[in-house]
């Protein structure tokens, strides 16, 4: 192999490793590591340039019973299906991530809270079964992740109260 071919092979291997380090293997979405790093960058940029930024956290409702009743393959299918809904609903600038387990996060640059609420409605309209619960936070929140998680917990309690 020539030096040029070796360099190309090395570059492709590095790209592959980078992709593996930042993608969730099951859903193809970005992973939590990528989410944490990217959210911090987007918050800093949005604050610096006085831009809108929102974060939505989604949790698949009653996920454990899906696994318990139908097996982990059914749970994996539910995760993949919801990831596809996010991919189809998010804009090119939005960053959809698997946050962990049955939770997903979407960073919405240039998006205020009202527009984030519209995004959640579009996702919910496409995601019928299993349903999802969402939590939303927007700048000027001091901690988008914490505030979106708090909103998610409040909304889950409201659903259980019905």
Protein backbone atom coordinates (compact mmCIF):
# COMPACT_ATOMS: atom_id res chain seq x y z
CA UNK A 1 0.00 0.00 0.00
CA UNK A 2 1.21 3.49 -0.78
CA UNK A 3 1.50 6.24 1.84
CA UNK A 4 -1.54 7.92 0.31
CA UNK A 5 -3.60 4.73 0.59
CA UNK A 6 -2.41 4.22 4.19
CA UNK A 7 -3.38 7.79 5.08
CA UNK A 8 -6.81 7.33 3.51
CA UNK A 9 -7.36 4.04 5.35
CA UNK A 10 -6.28 5.64 8.63
CA UNK A 11 -8.55 8.62 8.06
CA UNK A 12 -11.54 6.36 7.32
CA UNK A 13 -10.80 4.30 10.44
CA UNK A 14 -10.71 7.46 12.57
CA UNK A 15 -14.00 8.65 11.09
CA UNK A 16 -15.57 5.29 11.84
CA UNK A 17 -14.34 5.37 15.45
CA UNK A 18 -15.61 8.92 15.88
CA UNK A 19 -19.01 7.91 14.55
CA UNK A 20 -19.14 4.90 16.87
CA UNK A 21 -18.22 7.08 19.85
CA UNK A 22 -21.02 9.58 19.21
CA UNK A 23 -23.89 7.43 17.87
CA UNK A 24 -26.30 5.14 19.63
CA UNK A 25 -25.83 1.75 18.00
CA UNK A 26 -29.51 0.78 18.23
CA UNK A 27 -31.33 3.91 17.03
CA UNK A 28 -28.69 5.62 14.91
CA UNK A 29 -29.30 8.86 16.81
CA UNK A 30 -26.53 10.73 18.57
CA UNK A 31 -25.72 9.36 22.02
CA UNK A 32 -25.70 11.00 25.42
CA UNK A 33 -21.99 11.89 25.24
CA UNK A 34 -22.61 13.82 22.04
CA UNK A 35 -25.72 15.40 23.58
CA UNK A 36 -23.85 16.69 26.65
CA UNK A 37 -21.02 18.19 24.60
CA UNK A 38 -23.27 19.67 21.94
CA UNK A 39 -25.83 21.13 24.35
CA UNK A 40 -23.12 23.06 26.18
CA UNK A 41 -21.83 24.46 22.89
CA UNK A 42 -25.31 25.47 21.71
CA UNK A 43 -26.19 27.10 25.02
CA UNK A 44 -22.99 29.13 24.96
CA UNK A 45 -23.54 30.24 21.36
CA UNK A 46 -27.23 31.08 21.90
CA UNK A 47 -26.41 33.18 24.96
CA UNK A 48 -23.50 34.91 23.23
CA UNK A 49 -25.62 35.92 20.22
CA UNK A 50 -28.91 36.34 22.10
CA UNK A 51 -30.61 33.56 20.14
CA UNK A 52 -33.50 31.28 21.03
CA UNK A 53 -32.72 27.70 22.09
CA UNK A 54 -34.99 24.99 23.44
CA UNK A 55 -34.54 21.47 24.68
CA UNK A 56 -37.14 18.73 24.65
CA UNK A 57 -36.82 15.50 26.60
CA UNK A 58 -39.08 12.60 25.64
CA UNK A 59 -39.82 9.49 27.67
CA UNK A 60 -41.62 6.50 26.19
CA UNK A 61 -44.66 5.79 28.35
CA UNK A 62 -44.95 2.37 30.00
CA UNK A 63 -41.77 1.09 28.40
CA UNK A 64 -41.00 -1.56 31.03
CA UNK A 65 -44.26 -3.45 30.41
CA UNK A 66 -43.40 -3.62 26.69
CA UNK A 67 -40.14 -5.42 27.53
CA UNK A 68 -41.75 -7.55 30.25
CA UNK A 69 -44.72 -8.69 28.16
CA UNK A 70 -43.12 -8.99 24.72
CA UNK A 71 -39.37 -9.29 25.30
CA UNK A 72 -36.45 -7.01 24.67
CA UNK A 73 -36.77 -7.32 20.89
CA UNK A 74 -40.15 -5.57 21.15
CA UNK A 75 -38.62 -2.89 23.38
CA UNK A 76 -35.80 -2.39 20.88
CA UNK A 77 -38.35 -2.07 18.08
CA UNK A 78 -40.26 0.58 20.05
CA UNK A 79 -37.02 2.54 20.58
CA UNK A 80 -36.12 2.32 16.89
CA UNK A 81 -39.62 3.31 15.80
CA UNK A 82 -39.62 6.39 18.02
CA UNK A 83 -36.14 7.34 16.80
CA UNK A 84 -37.52 7.24 13.25
CA UNK A 85 -40.36 9.57 14.27
CA UNK A 86 -37.80 12.02 15.66
CA UNK A 87 -35.66 11.79 12.52
CA UNK A 88 -38.67 12.50 10.31
CA UNK A 89 -40.00 15.34 12.47
CA UNK A 90 -36.79 17.18 13.37
CA UNK A 91 -35.32 19.83 11.09
CA UNK A 92 -31.81 19.45 9.71
CA UNK A 93 -30.50 21.89 12.36
CA UNK A 94 -32.13 20.00 15.24
CA UNK A 95 -30.09 17.46 17.18
CA UNK A 96 -31.94 14.30 18.16
CA UNK A 97 -30.21 12.06 20.69
CA UNK A 98 -30.89 8.94 22.66
CA UNK A 99 -30.48 10.24 26.17
CA UNK A 100 -30.53 6.81 27.77
CA UNK A 101 -32.84 3.86 28.21
CA UNK A 102 -36.22 4.99 26.91
CA UNK A 103 -35.42 8.70 27.04
CA UNK A 104 -34.62 10.91 24.08
CA UNK A 105 -33.48 14.53 23.82
CA UNK A 106 -33.84 17.01 20.99
CA UNK A 107 -31.86 20.24 20.95
CA UNK A 108 -33.80 22.86 18.99
CA UNK A 109 -31.59 25.78 17.90
CA UNK A 110 -33.31 29.06 16.99
CA UNK A 111 -36.48 27.77 18.67
CA UNK A 112 -38.45 29.45 21.45
CA UNK A 113 -40.64 27.58 23.92
CA UNK A 114 -43.84 28.09 21.93
CA UNK A 115 -42.24 26.61 18.80
CA UNK A 116 -40.83 23.75 20.88
CA UNK A 117 -44.37 23.02 22.06
CA UNK A 118 -45.46 22.83 18.41
CA UNK A 119 -42.61 20.41 17.73
CA UNK A 120 -43.80 18.20 20.60
CA UNK A 121 -47.34 18.22 19.18
CA UNK A 122 -46.04 17.15 15.76
CA UNK A 123 -44.05 14.31 17.33
CA UNK A 124 -47.02 13.18 19.46
CA UNK A 125 -49.28 13.17 16.39
CA UNK A 126 -46.91 10.77 14.64
CA UNK A 127 -46.15 8.60 17.70
CA UNK A 128 -49.36 6.76 18.57
CA UNK A 129 -48.26 3.56 20.31
CA UNK A 130 -46.51 3.58 22.64
CA UNK A 131 -47.20 7.17 23.59
CA UNK A 132 -44.54 9.53 24.87
CA UNK A 133 -44.36 12.26 27.48
CA UNK A 134 -42.29 15.38 26.88
CA UNK A 135 -40.60 18.00 28.98
CA UNK A 136 -39.58 21.35 27.54
CA UNK A 137 -37.13 24.04 28.60
CA UNK A 138 -35.99 27.14 26.76
CA UNK A 139 -33.51 29.92 27.30
CA UNK A 140 -33.16 31.97 29.45
CA UNK A 141 -33.26 28.85 31.65
CA UNK A 142 -30.10 28.57 33.74
CA UNK A 143 -30.02 24.78 33.19
CA UNK A 144 -31.96 23.50 30.19
CA UNK A 145 -31.43 19.81 30.97
CA UNK A 146 -32.56 20.13 34.58
CA UNK A 147 -35.57 22.27 33.70
CA UNK A 148 -36.67 20.01 30.82
CA UNK A 149 -36.33 16.99 33.14
CA UNK A 150 -38.43 18.74 35.80
CA UNK A 151 -41.09 19.56 33.19
CA UNK A 152 -41.01 15.94 32.00
CA UNK A 153 -41.60 14.64 35.53
CA UNK A 154 -44.48 17.07 36.07
CA UNK A 155 -46.08 15.99 32.79
CA UNK A 156 -45.67 12.29 33.65
CA UNK A 157 -47.42 12.88 36.99
CA UNK A 158 -50.25 14.68 35.19
CA UNK A 159 -50.70 11.72 32.84
CA UNK A 160 -50.80 9.25 35.73
CA UNK A 161 -53.42 11.41 37.47
CA UNK A 162 -55.86 11.05 34.59
